[in-house]
Amino acid sequence: MGLGGAWDRTPHTAEDVDRAQAAVEAALECGITVFDHADIYRFGKSEAVFGEVLARTPGLRERITLQTKCGIRLAEGERPGRYDLRADSIVRRVEESLARLRTDVIDTLLLHRPDPLTGPDEIAGALHELHRQGLVRRFGVSNMSAAQIAHLQARLELPLTVDQLEMSLARRDWVEAGVLLNTSAATAGGFPEGTVEHCVDQGIQLQAWGALARGRYTGGDSRPTDSPAGRLLRRLARAKGTTPETVLLWWLARHPAGVVPVIGTSRPDRIRACRDAALHAPDLTHEEWYELWIAARETPLP
């Protein structure tokens, strides 16, 4: 969730906490009980305001699942933005997240992005230690391929349970990779083939960040929606008595891989616009799913 005010290092405000409270309440009304964070979101303010919501809402912690991420270091002065999965860095970031979230355990910790300079044995050692201390219950990854997951899993006693990837009607390469093999449309260096299949076979939950396509088809953030996919999305939403946001999420959920959308918005109205997707099975036919895909591609399938 995009909580905590501006993307800067200014302190969060009481108003930011009130907004976070409203977002959490809207999510709970829609049956959403998993809350996704990262240590870098709003420079730590997202976790901090959520921690204040937990502190002033007795019983809330027991009703929800807390997920957060570590491994990205933001630019500081002359130091560039970078990735850091060294053991001491992982442990330190988890301790800082626990303090901001005002809790004693993280339900699921995701490694935010691969760090090519840190070997899997060192990473695995840090994860085992966090689990041994009771600070983290489960582990997963984000933005990693099947090969990277398997490489790390071979060193772990605990199963990796999540891979969070950008997946949406706008970011379709996870679908395209499965059908463009042996066609002239195949592209090199795109979505790693076999990642979706590997996660399904290993029981790893696929989570989709950017699931609402950053408002590309629904008009969020004043983006235009006058596209073939945007028009079809609105038509389907009207026909089914729901919202375009819900249809977007249904498109993801209809895939047999069991993709779980991550709702990035903190606006209660947009959270509630996703209510039908959270509470009901996808109401999209086989043909409607393909119609949306082809409309978004703006070119026929091979």
C-alpha atoms as a PDB file:
ATOM      1  CA  MET A   1       0.000   0.000   0.000  1.00  0.00           C
ATOM      2  CA  GLY A   2       1.175   3.524  -0.794  1.00  0.00           C
ATOM      3  CA  LEU A   3       0.906   4.824   2.765  1.00  0.00           C
ATOM      4  CA  GLY A   4       2.918   7.434   4.623  1.00  0.00           C
ATOM      5  CA  GLY A   5       2.671  10.622   2.591  1.00  0.00           C
ATOM      6  CA  ALA A   6       5.270  11.861   0.133  1.00  0.00           C
ATOM      7  CA  TRP A   7       8.231   9.945  -1.285  1.00  0.00           C
ATOM      8  CA  ASP A   8      10.763  11.949   0.720  1.00  0.00           C
ATOM      9  CA  ARG A   9      12.474  11.894   4.079  1.00  0.00           C
ATOM     10  CA  THR A  10      10.121  14.345   5.800  1.00  0.00           C
ATOM     11  CA  PRO A  11       8.375  12.882   8.872  1.00  0.00           C
ATOM     12  CA  HIS A  12       4.925  11.405   8.447  1.00  0.00           C
ATOM     13  CA  THR A  13       1.987  13.277   9.953  1.00  0.00           C
ATOM     14  CA  ALA A  14      -1.098  12.466  12.003  1.00  0.00           C
ATOM     15  CA  GLU A  15      -3.107  12.969   8.817  1.00  0.00           C
ATOM     16  CA  ASP A  16      -1.004  10.290   7.122  1.00  0.00           C
ATOM     17  CA  VAL A  17      -1.890   7.875   9.922  1.00  0.00           C
ATOM     18  CA  ASP A  18      -5.593   8.712   9.604  1.00  0.00           C
ATOM     19  CA  ARG A  19      -5.427   8.033   5.866  1.00  0.00           C
ATOM     20  CA  ALA A  20      -3.709   4.729   6.533  1.00  0.00           C
ATOM     21  CA  GLN A  21      -6.430   3.809   9.018  1.00  0.00           C
ATOM     22  CA  ALA A  22      -9.118   4.545   6.417  1.00  0.00           C
ATOM     23  CA  ALA A  23      -7.296   2.441   3.819  1.00  0.00           C
ATOM     24  CA  VAL A  24      -6.930  -0.499   6.200  1.00  0.00           C
ATOM     25  CA  GLU A  25     -10.594  -0.343   7.178  1.00  0.00           C
ATOM     26  CA  ALA A  26     -11.650  -0.256   3.515  1.00  0.00           C
ATOM     27  CA  ALA A  27      -9.452  -3.266   2.774  1.00  0.00           C
ATOM     28  CA  LEU A  28     -10.880  -5.258   5.672  1.00  0.00           C
ATOM     29  CA  GLU A  29     -14.414  -4.445   4.507  1.00  0.00           C
ATOM     30  CA  CYS A  30     -13.502  -6.034   1.162  1.00  0.00           C
ATOM     31  CA  GLY A  31     -12.121  -9.174   2.766  1.00  0.00           C
ATOM     32  CA  ILE A  32      -8.479  -8.192   2.236  1.00  0.00           C
ATOM     33  CA  THR A  33      -6.338  -9.319   5.178  1.00  0.00           C
ATOM     34  CA  VAL A  34      -2.824  -9.502   3.687  1.00  0.00           C
ATOM     35  CA  PHE A  35      -0.939  -6.203   3.761  1.00  0.00           C
ATOM     36  CA  ASP A  36       2.144  -5.837   1.591  1.00  0.00           C
ATOM     37  CA  HIS A  37       4.984  -3.479   2.535  1.00  0.00           C
ATOM     38  CA  ALA A  38       8.655  -2.861   1.810  1.00  0.00           C
ATOM     39  CA  ASP A  39      11.297  -1.195   3.918  1.00  0.00           C
ATOM     40  CA  ILE A  40      11.886   1.435   1.210  1.00  0.00           C
ATOM     41  CA  TYR A  41       8.272   2.479   0.609  1.00  0.00           C
ATOM     42  CA  ARG A  42       8.039   6.211   1.353  1.00  0.00           C
ATOM     43  CA  PHE A  43      11.505   5.896   2.922  1.00  0.00           C
ATOM     44  CA  GLY A  44      10.100   3.669   5.673  1.00  0.00           C
ATOM     45  CA  LYS A  45       7.071   5.843   6.368  1.00  0.00           C
ATOM     46  CA  SER A  46       4.636   3.297   4.920  1.00  0.00           C
ATOM     47  CA  GLU A  47       5.645   0.758   7.552  1.00  0.00           C
ATOM     48  CA  ALA A  48       5.720   3.416  10.270  1.00  0.00           C
ATOM     49  CA  VAL A  49       2.168   4.674   9.725  1.00  0.00           C
ATOM     50  CA  PHE A  50       0.896   1.105   9.463  1.00  0.00           C
ATOM     51  CA  GLY A  51       2.602   0.388  12.768  1.00  0.00           C
ATOM     52  CA  GLU A  52       0.736   3.294  14.334  1.00  0.00           C
ATOM     53  CA  VAL A  53      -2.544   1.935  12.978  1.00  0.00           C
ATOM     54  CA  LEU A  54      -1.743  -1.427  14.572  1.00  0.00           C
ATOM     55  CA  ALA A  55      -0.863   0.242  17.868  1.00  0.00           C
ATOM     56  CA  ARG A  56      -4.167   2.101  18.102  1.00  0.00           C
ATOM     57  CA  THR A  57      -6.373  -0.769  16.879  1.00  0.00           C
ATOM     58  CA  PRO A  58      -6.471  -3.573  19.477  1.00  0.00           C
ATOM     59  CA  GLY A  59      -6.814  -7.035  17.968  1.00  0.00           C
ATOM     60  CA  LEU A  60      -5.940  -5.943  14.426  1.00  0.00           C
ATOM     61  CA  ARG A  61      -2.564  -7.688  14.310  1.00  0.00           C
ATOM     62  CA  GLU A  62      -4.177 -11.062  14.968  1.00  0.00           C
ATOM     63  CA  ARG A  63      -6.600 -10.561  12.062  1.00  0.00           C
ATOM     64  CA  ILE A  64      -4.057  -9.821   9.352  1.00  0.00           C
ATOM     65  CA  THR A  65      -0.968 -11.134   7.599  1.00  0.00           C
ATOM     66  CA  LEU A  66       2.021  -8.783   7.414  1.00  0.00           C
ATOM     67  CA  GLN A  67       4.308  -9.078   4.417  1.00  0.00           C
ATOM     68  CA  THR A  68       7.302  -6.855   3.804  1.00  0.00           C
ATOM     69  CA  LYS A  69      10.375  -6.771   1.591  1.00  0.00           C
ATOM     70  CA  CYS A  70      14.051  -5.920   1.888  1.00  0.00           C
ATOM     71  CA  GLY A  71      17.044  -5.825  -0.426  1.00  0.00           C
ATOM     72  CA  ILE A  72      16.818  -2.443  -2.184  1.00  0.00           C
ATOM     73  CA  ARG A  73      18.919   0.474  -0.958  1.00  0.00           C
ATOM     74  CA  LEU A  74      17.785   3.896  -2.114  1.00  0.00           C
ATOM     75  CA  ALA A  75      20.275   6.477  -3.346  1.00  0.00           C
ATOM     76  CA  GLU A  76      21.935   8.477  -0.561  1.00  0.00           C
ATOM     77  CA  GLY A  77      24.089  11.474  -1.406  1.00  0.00           C
ATOM     78  CA  GLU A  78      26.705  10.287  -3.877  1.00  0.00           C
ATOM     79  CA  ARG A  79      25.851   6.629  -3.283  1.00  0.00           C
ATOM     80  CA  PRO A  80      23.642   5.214  -6.044  1.00  0.00           C
ATOM     81  CA  GLY A  81      20.524   3.157  -5.607  1.00  0.00           C
ATOM     82  CA  ARG A  82      21.583  -0.472  -5.350  1.00  0.00           C
ATOM     83  CA  TYR A  83      20.629  -3.961  -4.179  1.00  0.00           C
ATOM     84  CA  ASP A  84      21.959  -5.472  -0.959  1.00  0.00           C
ATOM     85  CA  LEU A  85      21.190  -9.008   0.215  1.00  0.00           C
ATOM     86  CA  ARG A  86      24.255  -9.441   2.390  1.00  0.00           C
ATOM     87  CA  ALA A  87      23.407 -11.312   5.571  1.00  0.00           C
ATOM     88  CA  ASP A  88      24.001  -8.425   7.970  1.00  0.00           C
ATOM     89  CA  SER A  89      21.961  -6.095   5.768  1.00  0.00           C
ATOM     90  CA  ILE A  90      18.987  -8.485   5.609  1.00  0.00           C
ATOM     91  CA  VAL A  91      18.964  -8.929   9.390  1.00  0.00           C
ATOM     92  CA  ARG A  92      19.320  -5.201  10.045  1.00  0.00           C
ATOM     93  CA  ARG A  93      16.519  -4.280   7.629  1.00  0.00           C
ATOM     94  CA  VAL A  94      14.200  -6.831   9.212  1.00  0.00           C
ATOM     95  CA  GLU A  95      14.911  -5.471  12.689  1.00  0.00           C
ATOM     96  CA  GLU A  96      14.168  -1.949  11.446  1.00  0.00           C
ATOM     97  CA  SER A  97      10.929  -3.072   9.776  1.00  0.00           C
ATOM     98  CA  LEU A  98       9.789  -4.814  12.959  1.00  0.00           C
ATOM     99  CA  ALA A  99      10.385  -1.611  14.922  1.00  0.00           C
ATOM    100  CA  ARG A 100       8.464   0.531  12.428  1.00  0.00           C
ATOM    101  CA  LEU A 101       5.596  -1.948  12.181  1.00  0.00           C
ATOM    102  CA  ARG A 102       5.455  -2.261  15.979  1.00  0.00           C
ATOM    103  CA  THR A 103       5.245  -6.022  15.877  1.00  0.00           C
ATOM    104  CA  ASP A 104       7.475  -8.868  16.993  1.00  0.00           C
ATOM    105  CA  VAL A 105       7.195 -11.040  13.893  1.00  0.00           C
ATOM    106  CA  ILE A 106       6.891 -10.631  10.124  1.00  0.00           C
ATOM    107  CA  ASP A 107       4.604 -13.229   8.598  1.00  0.00           C
ATOM    108  CA  THR A 108       6.276 -13.228   5.166  1.00  0.00           C
ATOM    109  CA  LEU A 109       9.564 -11.603   4.159  1.00  0.00           C
ATOM    110  CA  LEU A 110      10.301 -11.173   0.451  1.00  0.00           C
ATOM    111  CA  LEU A 111      13.719 -10.502  -1.057  1.00  0.00           C
ATOM    112  CA  HIS A 112      12.847  -7.442  -3.129  1.00  0.00           C
ATOM    113  CA  ARG A 113      15.273  -7.895  -6.047  1.00  0.00           C
ATOM    114  CA  PRO A 114      18.259 -10.112  -6.837  1.00  0.00           C
ATOM    115  CA  ASP A 115      21.666  -8.934  -5.638  1.00  0.00           C
ATOM    116  CA  PRO A 116      24.278 -10.302  -8.078  1.00  0.00           C
ATOM    117  CA  LEU A 117      27.113  -9.679  -5.590  1.00  0.00           C
ATOM    118  CA  THR A 118      25.732 -11.834  -2.770  1.00  0.00           C
ATOM    119  CA  GLY A 119      25.830 -15.612  -3.046  1.00  0.00           C
ATOM    120  CA  PRO A 120      22.875 -17.838  -2.163  1.00  0.00           C
ATOM    121  CA  ASP A 121      24.646 -19.521   0.752  1.00  0.00           C
ATOM    122  CA  GLU A 122      25.030 -16.201   2.572  1.00  0.00           C
ATOM    123  CA  ILE A 123      21.417 -15.247   1.851  1.00  0.00           C
ATOM    124  CA  ALA A 124      20.152 -18.629   3.027  1.00  0.00           C
ATOM    125  CA  GLY A 125      22.138 -18.327   6.244  1.00  0.00           C
ATOM    126  CA  ALA A 126      20.486 -14.999   7.058  1.00  0.00           C
ATOM    127  CA  LEU A 127      17.005 -16.366   6.385  1.00  0.00           C
ATOM    128  CA  HIS A 128      17.610 -19.420   8.556  1.00  0.00           C
ATOM    129  CA  GLU A 129      18.806 -17.192  11.405  1.00  0.00           C
ATOM    130  CA  LEU A 130      15.758 -14.909  11.165  1.00  0.00           C
ATOM    131  CA  HIS A 131      13.476 -17.936  11.283  1.00  0.00           C
ATOM    132  CA  ARG A 132      15.414 -19.489  14.166  1.00  0.00           C
ATOM    133  CA  GLN A 133      14.999 -16.287  16.181  1.00  0.00           C
ATOM    134  CA  GLY A 134      11.266 -16.254  15.491  1.00  0.00           C
ATOM    135  CA  LEU A 135      11.441 -12.913  13.681  1.00  0.00           C
ATOM    136  CA  VAL A 136      10.081 -14.170  10.335  1.00  0.00           C
ATOM    137  CA  ARG A 137       7.633 -17.007   9.712  1.00  0.00           C
ATOM    138  CA  ARG A 138       7.877 -17.474   5.935  1.00  0.00           C
ATOM    139  CA  PHE A 139      10.058 -16.325   3.062  1.00  0.00           C
ATOM    140  CA  GLY A 140       9.618 -15.497  -0.589  1.00  0.00           C
ATOM    141  CA  VAL A 141      11.118 -13.451  -3.385  1.00  0.00           C
ATOM    142  CA  SER A 142      10.161 -10.646  -5.717  1.00  0.00           C
ATOM    143  CA  ASN A 143      11.205 -10.012  -9.313  1.00  0.00           C
ATOM    144  CA  MET A 144      13.066 -13.312  -9.590  1.00  0.00           C
ATOM    145  CA  SER A 145      13.087 -15.994 -12.275  1.00  0.00           C
ATOM    146  CA  ALA A 146      12.577 -19.731 -11.914  1.00  0.00           C
ATOM    147  CA  ALA A 147      16.344 -20.306 -12.128  1.00  0.00           C
ATOM    148  CA  GLN A 148      17.070 -17.763  -9.390  1.00  0.00           C
ATOM    149  CA  ILE A 149      14.385 -19.247  -7.160  1.00  0.00           C
ATOM    150  CA  ALA A 150      15.699 -22.790  -7.619  1.00  0.00           C
ATOM    151  CA  HIS A 151      19.292 -21.622  -7.034  1.00  0.00           C
ATOM    152  CA  LEU A 152      18.354 -20.160  -3.646  1.00  0.00           C
ATOM    153  CA  GLN A 153      15.890 -22.893  -2.694  1.00  0.00           C
ATOM    154  CA  ALA A 154      18.621 -25.527  -3.046  1.00  0.00           C
ATOM    155  CA  ARG A 155      20.332 -23.926  -0.013  1.00  0.00           C
ATOM    156  CA  LEU A 156      17.219 -23.455   2.106  1.00  0.00           C
ATOM    157  CA  GLU A 157      15.592 -25.815   4.574  1.00  0.00           C
ATOM    158  CA  LEU A 158      12.395 -23.734   4.407  1.00  0.00           C
ATOM    159  CA  PRO A 159      10.287 -23.474   1.246  1.00  0.00           C
ATOM    160  CA  LEU A 160      10.076 -20.193  -0.626  1.00  0.00           C
ATOM    161  CA  THR A 161       6.355 -19.447  -0.687  1.00  0.00           C
ATOM    162  CA  VAL A 162       5.931 -16.335  -2.870  1.00  0.00           C
ATOM    163  CA  ASP A 163       7.269 -14.767  -6.052  1.00  0.00           C
ATOM    164  CA  GLN A 164       5.952 -11.232  -6.533  1.00  0.00           C
ATOM    165  CA  LEU A 165       6.204 -10.010 -10.128  1.00  0.00           C
ATOM    166  CA  GLU A 166       4.764  -7.179 -12.160  1.00  0.00           C
ATOM    167  CA  MET A 167       1.760  -8.805 -13.832  1.00  0.00           C
ATOM    168  CA  SER A 168      -1.236  -7.050 -15.357  1.00  0.00           C
ATOM    169  CA  LEU A 169      -3.186  -6.561 -18.554  1.00  0.00           C
ATOM    170  CA  ALA A 170      -0.583  -3.913 -19.445  1.00  0.00           C
ATOM    171  CA  ARG A 171       2.431  -6.012 -18.365  1.00  0.00           C
ATOM    172  CA  ARG A 172       1.546  -9.221 -20.176  1.00  0.00           C
ATOM    173  CA  ASP A 173       4.965 -10.759 -20.858  1.00  0.00           C
ATOM    174  CA  TRP A 174       4.298 -13.492 -18.286  1.00  0.00           C
ATOM    175  CA  VAL A 175       1.479 -14.683 -20.579  1.00  0.00           C
ATOM    176  CA  GLU A 176       3.194 -13.827 -23.845  1.00  0.00           C
ATOM    177  CA  ALA A 177       6.259 -15.903 -22.922  1.00  0.00           C
ATOM    178  CA  GLY A 178       4.096 -19.006 -22.901  1.00  0.00           C
ATOM    179  CA  VAL A 179       2.646 -18.589 -26.388  1.00  0.00           C
ATOM    180  CA  LEU A 180       5.219 -16.772 -28.512  1.00  0.00           C
ATOM    181  CA  LEU A 181       7.790 -19.564 -28.531  1.00  0.00           C
ATOM    182  CA  ASN A 182       8.703 -20.523 -32.101  1.00  0.00           C
ATOM    183  CA  THR A 183       7.044 -17.448 -33.599  1.00  0.00           C
ATOM    184  CA  SER A 184       8.449 -14.370 -35.305  1.00  0.00           C
ATOM    185  CA  ALA A 185       7.067 -12.301 -32.416  1.00  0.00           C
ATOM    186  CA  ALA A 186       9.315 -13.990 -29.866  1.00  0.00           C
ATOM    187  CA  THR A 187      11.660 -11.518 -28.188  1.00  0.00           C
ATOM    188  CA  ALA A 188      14.972 -12.086 -26.480  1.00  0.00           C
ATOM    189  CA  GLY A 189      15.523 -10.948 -22.910  1.00  0.00           C
ATOM    190  CA  GLY A 190      11.871 -10.732 -21.942  1.00  0.00           C
ATOM    191  CA  PHE A 191      10.048 -12.565 -19.177  1.00  0.00           C
ATOM    192  CA  PRO A 192      12.044 -15.702 -18.244  1.00  0.00           C
ATOM    193  CA  GLU A 193      10.317 -18.714 -19.761  1.00  0.00           C
ATOM    194  CA  GLY A 194       9.163 -21.300 -17.254  1.00  0.00           C
ATOM    195  CA  THR A 195       8.897 -18.976 -14.252  1.00  0.00           C
ATOM    196  CA  VAL A 196       5.113 -19.205 -14.003  1.00  0.00           C
ATOM    197  CA  GLU A 197       5.184 -22.977 -14.498  1.00  0.00           C
ATOM    198  CA  HIS A 198       7.963 -23.437 -11.930  1.00  0.00           C
ATOM    199  CA  CYS A 199       6.043 -21.485  -9.301  1.00  0.00           C
ATOM    200  CA  VAL A 200       2.878 -23.502  -9.917  1.00  0.00           C
ATOM    201  CA  ASP A 201       4.749 -26.820  -9.751  1.00  0.00           C
ATOM    202  CA  GLN A 202       6.549 -25.847  -6.528  1.00  0.00           C
ATOM    203  CA  GLY A 203       3.483 -24.426  -4.785  1.00  0.00           C
ATOM    204  CA  ILE A 204       4.909 -20.890  -4.857  1.00  0.00           C
ATOM    205  CA  GLN A 205       2.210 -18.228  -4.819  1.00  0.00           C
ATOM    206  CA  LEU A 206       2.444 -15.779  -7.702  1.00  0.00           C
ATOM    207  CA  GLN A 207       1.649 -12.262  -6.517  1.00  0.00           C
ATOM    208  CA  ALA A 208       1.071  -9.515  -9.064  1.00  0.00           C
ATOM    209  CA  TRP A 209       2.346  -6.051  -8.255  1.00  0.00           C
ATOM    210  CA  GLY A 210       1.052  -3.289 -10.507  1.00  0.00           C
ATOM    211  CA  ALA A 211      -2.089  -5.401 -10.925  1.00  0.00           C
ATOM    212  CA  LEU A 212      -4.255  -2.396 -11.844  1.00  0.00           C
ATOM    213  CA  ALA A 213      -1.792  -1.398 -14.579  1.00  0.00           C
ATOM    214  CA  ARG A 214      -1.116   1.894 -12.760  1.00  0.00           C
ATOM    215  CA  GLY A 215      -4.444   3.292 -13.919  1.00  0.00           C
ATOM    216  CA  ARG A 216      -3.650   2.861 -17.608  1.00  0.00           C
ATOM    217  CA  TYR A 217      -7.123   1.507 -18.417  1.00  0.00           C
ATOM    218  CA  THR A 218      -9.196   2.843 -15.521  1.00  0.00           C
ATOM    219  CA  GLY A 219      -8.164   6.502 -15.532  1.00  0.00           C
ATOM    220  CA  GLY A 220      -6.188   6.456 -12.304  1.00  0.00           C
ATOM    221  CA  ASP A 221      -3.646   9.261 -11.968  1.00  0.00           C
ATOM    222  CA  SER A 222      -5.333  11.044 -14.917  1.00  0.00           C
ATOM    223  CA  ARG A 223      -4.045   8.538 -17.445  1.00  0.00           C
ATOM    224  CA  PRO A 224      -6.039   8.195 -20.678  1.00  0.00           C
ATOM    225  CA  THR A 225      -8.416   5.264 -21.002  1.00  0.00           C
ATOM    226  CA  ASP A 226      -9.480   5.758 -24.630  1.00  0.00           C
ATOM    227  CA  SER A 227      -7.836   2.618 -25.958  1.00  0.00           C
ATOM    228  CA  PRO A 228      -9.315  -0.624 -27.315  1.00  0.00           C
ATOM    229  CA  ALA A 229      -8.636  -2.361 -24.001  1.00  0.00           C
ATOM    230  CA  GLY A 230      -9.992   0.553 -21.955  1.00  0.00           C
ATOM    231  CA  ARG A 231     -13.218   0.673 -23.947  1.00  0.00           C
ATOM    232  CA  LEU A 232     -13.706  -3.103 -23.739  1.00  0.00           C
ATOM    233  CA  LEU A 233     -12.956  -3.052 -20.028  1.00  0.00           C
ATOM    234  CA  ARG A 234     -15.670  -0.467 -19.387  1.00  0.00           C
ATOM    235  CA  ARG A 235     -18.157  -2.348 -21.555  1.00  0.00           C
ATOM    236  CA  LEU A 236     -17.563  -5.608 -19.704  1.00  0.00           C
ATOM    237  CA  ALA A 237     -17.810  -3.858 -16.342  1.00  0.00           C
ATOM    238  CA  ARG A 238     -21.190  -2.358 -17.265  1.00  0.00           C
ATOM    239  CA  ALA A 239     -22.486  -5.697 -18.545  1.00  0.00           C
ATOM    240  CA  LYS A 240     -21.457  -7.472 -15.353  1.00  0.00           C
ATOM    241  CA  GLY A 241     -22.568  -4.747 -12.962  1.00  0.00           C
ATOM    242  CA  THR A 242     -19.135  -4.168 -11.519  1.00  0.00           C
ATOM    243  CA  THR A 243     -16.143  -1.828 -11.860  1.00  0.00           C
ATOM    244  CA  PRO A 244     -13.335  -1.744 -14.437  1.00  0.00           C
ATOM    245  CA  GLU A 245     -10.864  -2.343 -11.601  1.00  0.00           C
ATOM    246  CA  THR A 246     -12.632  -5.576 -10.717  1.00  0.00           C
ATOM    247  CA  VAL A 247     -12.571  -6.772 -14.332  1.00  0.00           C
ATOM    248  CA  LEU A 248      -8.818  -6.076 -14.486  1.00  0.00           C
ATOM    249  CA  LEU A 249      -8.284  -8.195 -11.392  1.00  0.00           C
ATOM    250  CA  TRP A 250     -10.583 -10.903 -12.711  1.00  0.00           C
ATOM    251  CA  TRP A 251      -8.405 -11.073 -15.827  1.00  0.00           C
ATOM    252  CA  LEU A 252      -5.433 -11.949 -13.623  1.00  0.00           C
ATOM    253  CA  ALA A 253      -7.333 -14.292 -11.328  1.00  0.00           C
ATOM    254  CA  ARG A 254      -8.863 -16.197 -14.264  1.00  0.00           C
ATOM    255  CA  HIS A 255      -5.414 -17.559 -15.178  1.00  0.00           C
ATOM    256  CA  PRO A 256      -4.947 -21.118 -13.852  1.00  0.00           C
ATOM    257  CA  ALA A 257      -1.665 -20.180 -12.154  1.00  0.00           C
ATOM    258  CA  GLY A 258      -3.706 -18.702  -9.297  1.00  0.00           C
ATOM    259  CA  VAL A 259      -2.238 -15.206  -9.535  1.00  0.00           C
ATOM    260  CA  VAL A 260      -2.974 -13.110  -6.440  1.00  0.00           C
ATOM    261  CA  PRO A 261      -3.219  -9.367  -7.215  1.00  0.00           C
ATOM    262  CA  VAL A 262      -1.484  -6.841  -4.961  1.00  0.00           C
ATOM    263  CA  ILE A 263      -3.589  -3.680  -4.715  1.00  0.00           C
ATOM    264  CA  GLY A 264      -1.151  -0.794  -4.515  1.00  0.00           C
ATOM    265  CA  THR A 265      -3.606   2.039  -3.979  1.00  0.00           C
ATOM    266  CA  SER A 266      -4.271   3.561  -0.554  1.00  0.00           C
ATOM    267  CA  ARG A 267      -7.448   5.358  -1.646  1.00  0.00           C
ATOM    268  CA  PRO A 268     -10.512   3.816   0.040  1.00  0.00           C
ATOM    269  CA  ASP A 269     -12.692   4.428  -3.037  1.00  0.00           C
ATOM    270  CA  ARG A 270     -10.312   2.546  -5.328  1.00  0.00           C
ATOM    271  CA  ILE A 271      -9.898  -0.241  -2.782  1.00  0.00           C
ATOM    272  CA  ARG A 272     -13.682  -0.627  -2.625  1.00  0.00           C
ATOM    273  CA  ALA A 273     -13.786  -0.605  -6.439  1.00  0.00           C
ATOM    274  CA  CYS A 274     -11.921  -3.916  -6.203  1.00  0.00           C
ATOM    275  CA  ARG A 275     -14.424  -5.412  -3.756  1.00  0.00           C
ATOM    276  CA  ASP A 276     -16.057  -7.840  -6.206  1.00  0.00           C
ATOM    277  CA  ALA A 277     -12.663  -9.228  -7.181  1.00  0.00           C
ATOM    278  CA  ALA A 278     -11.798  -9.884  -3.537  1.00  0.00           C
ATOM    279  CA  LEU A 279     -15.123 -11.471  -2.603  1.00  0.00           C
ATOM    280  CA  HIS A 280     -16.223 -13.359  -5.735  1.00  0.00           C
ATOM    281  CA  ALA A 281     -14.788 -15.793  -8.271  1.00  0.00           C
ATOM    282  CA  PRO A 282     -13.801 -14.282 -11.633  1.00  0.00           C
ATOM    283  CA  ASP A 283     -16.837 -13.666 -13.851  1.00  0.00           C
ATOM    284  CA  LEU A 284     -15.017 -13.780 -17.181  1.00  0.00           C
ATOM    285  CA  THR A 285     -15.596 -16.342 -19.900  1.00  0.00           C
ATOM    286  CA  HIS A 286     -12.784 -17.963 -21.846  1.00  0.00           C
ATOM    287  CA  GLU A 287     -13.628 -15.758 -24.819  1.00  0.00           C
ATOM    288  CA  GLU A 288     -13.832 -12.540 -22.775  1.00  0.00           C
ATOM    289  CA  TRP A 289     -10.399 -13.208 -21.272  1.00  0.00           C
ATOM    290  CA  TYR A 290      -8.914 -13.556 -24.733  1.00  0.00           C
ATOM    291  CA  GLU A 291     -10.782 -10.494 -26.007  1.00  0.00           C
ATOM    292  CA  LEU A 292      -9.176  -8.377 -23.287  1.00  0.00           C
ATOM    293  CA  TRP A 293      -5.741  -9.810 -23.969  1.00  0.00           C
ATOM    294  CA  ILE A 294      -5.958  -9.193 -27.706  1.00  0.00           C
ATOM    295  CA  ALA A 295      -7.395  -5.698 -27.179  1.00  0.00           C
ATOM    296  CA  ALA A 296      -4.448  -4.846 -24.931  1.00  0.00           C
ATOM    297  CA  ARG A 297      -1.969  -6.317 -27.439  1.00  0.00           C
ATOM    298  CA  GLU A 298      -3.624  -4.339 -30.254  1.00  0.00           C
ATOM    299  CA  THR A 299      -2.517  -7.099 -32.623  1.00  0.00           C
ATOM    300  CA  PRO A 300      -3.856 -10.619 -33.244  1.00  0.00           C
ATOM    301  CA  LEU A 301      -2.295 -13.663 -31.649  1.00  0.00           C
ATOM    302  CA  PRO A 302       0.126 -15.641 -33.838  1.00  0.00           C
END
